[in-house]
Amino acid sequence: MHSGSILSDALAAAQWTIETADLQQQIDQAVLLYQSALEQLNSYIGQLDPAVSNSQVVQQFKEVLTRAETLKRLRTDDPAAAEYFHSKTRARVLAEKAVAADLQCQVAQALKLYFQLLEVLNKCHQLETEPEVKAAIMARFQVRCSAYNL
């Protein structure tokens, strides 16, 4: 096995860990998986040729780091907000998987995924009514607006 396939295997393992974390229902387990994915991505990035642009992997590292840090901060400050933000991530991943299964005519799998998506979206809707979650959404919105000078 040459180093290219070892690197691609390492990236595939990191991708699998991220996807597993995204779909994890328990926030503590999701945080542990995100941390594991960060370690895998860091190791992968360390093995890359510095002369080659790897901005996509670096960007993915930053996104996973943001997810992990957000969940770690919110799970201590506000578990409902942590659950809400993680559920939104789960909903996005489930939607992508459901559409992919649908396009491949995997009807049973697509229906299962759409049903899971509906459950997660209903949970998000219920959480959105809690004052702590509303406040966390507004705070996140204000940070994004200030970043764009809106």
Protein backbone atom coordinates (compact mmCIF):
# COMPACT_ATOMS: atom_id res chain seq x y z
CA MET A 1 0.00 0.00 0.00
CA HIS A 2 1.51 3.37 -0.92
CA SER A 3 1.24 6.61 1.05
CA GLY A 4 -1.52 8.04 -1.19
CA SER A 5 -3.93 5.25 -0.33
CA ILE A 6 -2.95 5.44 3.36
CA LEU A 7 -3.80 9.15 3.30
CA SER A 8 -7.08 8.55 1.49
CA ASP A 9 -7.94 5.82 4.03
CA ALA A 10 -7.14 8.25 6.85
CA LEU A 11 -9.36 10.93 5.31
CA ALA A 12 -12.16 8.40 4.78
CA ALA A 13 -11.91 7.38 8.45
CA ALA A 14 -12.11 11.03 9.51
CA GLN A 15 -15.14 11.57 7.23
CA TRP A 16 -16.87 8.53 8.73
CA THR A 17 -16.19 9.80 12.26
CA ILE A 18 -17.59 13.25 11.40
CA GLU A 19 -20.71 11.75 9.85
CA THR A 20 -21.20 9.48 12.86
CA ALA A 21 -20.85 12.50 15.17
CA ASP A 22 -23.29 14.54 13.08
CA LEU A 23 -25.91 11.81 13.38
CA GLN A 24 -25.26 11.02 17.05
CA GLN A 25 -28.30 11.62 19.24
CA GLN A 26 -26.39 12.05 22.51
CA ILE A 27 -24.48 15.32 22.65
CA ASP A 28 -21.69 14.04 24.91
CA GLN A 29 -21.00 11.20 22.48
CA ALA A 30 -21.12 13.62 19.54
CA VAL A 31 -18.51 15.86 21.22
CA LEU A 32 -16.22 12.86 21.78
CA LEU A 33 -16.59 11.82 18.15
CA TYR A 34 -15.92 15.37 16.92
CA GLN A 35 -12.76 15.44 19.04
CA SER A 36 -11.69 12.12 17.56
CA ALA A 37 -12.37 13.45 14.05
CA LEU A 38 -10.27 16.54 14.84
CA GLU A 39 -7.38 14.30 15.89
CA GLN A 40 -7.77 12.26 12.68
CA LEU A 41 -7.91 15.38 10.50
CA ASN A 42 -4.95 16.92 12.32
CA SER A 43 -2.92 13.77 11.72
CA TYR A 44 -4.01 13.73 8.07
CA ILE A 45 -3.10 17.40 7.59
CA GLY A 46 0.28 16.79 9.22
CA GLN A 47 1.08 14.14 6.61
CA LEU A 48 0.20 16.31 3.61
CA ASP A 49 2.71 17.98 1.35
CA PRO A 50 2.84 21.63 2.51
CA ALA A 51 3.43 22.75 -1.08
CA VAL A 52 0.01 21.43 -2.14
CA SER A 53 -3.11 23.42 -1.33
CA ASN A 54 -5.39 21.51 1.00
CA SER A 55 -7.79 24.30 1.81
CA GLN A 56 -10.84 22.01 1.69
CA VAL A 57 -9.47 19.72 4.43
CA VAL A 58 -8.37 22.71 6.51
CA GLN A 59 -11.83 24.27 6.11
CA GLN A 60 -13.44 21.01 7.18
CA PHE A 61 -11.16 20.95 10.24
CA LYS A 62 -12.31 24.47 11.14
CA GLU A 63 -15.99 23.52 10.73
CA VAL A 64 -15.66 20.42 12.91
CA LEU A 65 -13.73 22.43 15.50
CA THR A 66 -16.51 25.03 15.55
CA ARG A 67 -19.18 22.32 15.98
CA ALA A 68 -17.25 20.65 18.80
CA GLU A 69 -16.53 23.91 20.62
CA THR A 70 -20.13 25.12 20.24
CA LEU A 71 -21.53 21.87 21.63
CA LYS A 72 -19.01 21.77 24.49
CA ARG A 73 -19.81 25.36 25.48
CA LEU A 74 -23.58 25.00 25.14
CA ARG A 75 -23.92 21.64 26.86
CA THR A 76 -22.65 23.21 30.08
CA ASP A 77 -24.32 26.61 29.67
CA ASP A 78 -27.56 25.54 28.03
CA PRO A 79 -28.29 21.88 27.20
CA ALA A 80 -31.48 22.79 25.28
CA ALA A 81 -29.55 25.13 22.97
CA ALA A 82 -26.84 22.48 22.51
CA GLU A 83 -29.51 19.94 21.62
CA TYR A 84 -31.12 22.39 19.20
CA PHE A 85 -27.91 23.24 17.34
CA HIS A 86 -26.84 19.61 17.15
CA SER A 87 -30.31 18.61 15.94
CA LYS A 88 -30.01 21.18 13.14
CA THR A 89 -26.74 19.51 12.08
CA ARG A 90 -28.41 16.09 12.22
CA ALA A 91 -31.30 17.40 10.13
CA ARG A 92 -28.93 18.69 7.44
CA VAL A 93 -27.06 15.38 7.26
CA LEU A 94 -30.27 13.33 7.22
CA ALA A 95 -31.69 15.52 4.44
CA GLU A 96 -28.57 15.01 2.33
CA LYS A 97 -28.67 11.25 2.88
CA ALA A 98 -32.42 11.03 2.20
CA VAL A 99 -32.15 12.93 -1.08
CA ALA A 100 -29.17 10.80 -2.15
CA ALA A 101 -31.09 7.59 -1.39
CA ASP A 102 -34.15 8.97 -3.18
CA LEU A 103 -32.11 9.82 -6.29
CA GLN A 104 -30.66 6.30 -6.30
CA CYS A 105 -34.19 4.84 -6.14
CA GLN A 106 -33.53 3.28 -2.74
CA VAL A 107 -37.12 3.80 -1.70
CA ALA A 108 -37.09 1.97 1.64
CA GLN A 109 -33.89 3.70 2.76
CA ALA A 110 -35.14 7.10 1.57
CA LEU A 111 -38.43 6.70 3.46
CA LYS A 112 -36.58 5.68 6.62
CA LEU A 113 -34.31 8.72 6.35
CA TYR A 114 -37.17 11.11 5.57
CA PHE A 115 -39.03 9.80 8.63
CA GLN A 116 -35.94 10.35 10.82
CA LEU A 117 -35.59 13.82 9.33
CA LEU A 118 -39.19 14.63 10.17
CA GLU A 119 -38.65 13.52 13.79
CA VAL A 120 -35.52 15.69 14.10
CA LEU A 121 -37.25 18.71 12.54
CA ASN A 122 -40.20 18.31 14.92
CA LYS A 123 -37.75 18.19 17.82
CA CYS A 124 -36.07 21.37 16.54
CA HIS A 125 -39.44 23.09 16.28
CA GLN A 126 -40.30 22.13 19.87
CA LEU A 127 -36.93 23.37 21.12
CA GLU A 128 -37.31 26.68 19.27
CA THR A 129 -40.14 27.64 21.63
CA GLU A 130 -37.88 27.52 24.71
CA PRO A 131 -36.63 30.96 25.81
CA GLU A 132 -33.03 29.77 26.21
CA VAL A 133 -32.97 28.41 22.68
CA LYS A 134 -34.52 31.60 21.28
CA ALA A 135 -31.82 33.61 23.05
CA ALA A 136 -29.05 31.36 21.72
CA ILE A 137 -30.44 31.62 18.17
CA MET A 138 -30.59 35.40 18.40
CA ALA A 139 -27.06 35.58 19.83
CA ARG A 140 -25.74 33.43 17.00
CA PHE A 141 -27.64 35.54 14.46
CA GLN A 142 -26.21 38.75 15.92
CA VAL A 143 -22.66 37.37 15.73
CA ARG A 144 -23.17 36.46 12.07
CA CYS A 145 -24.67 39.87 11.28
CA SER A 146 -21.79 41.69 12.95
CA ALA A 147 -19.33 39.56 10.97
CA TYR A 148 -20.96 40.84 7.77
CA ASN A 149 -21.42 44.38 9.10
CA LEU A 150 -25.21 44.13 8.87
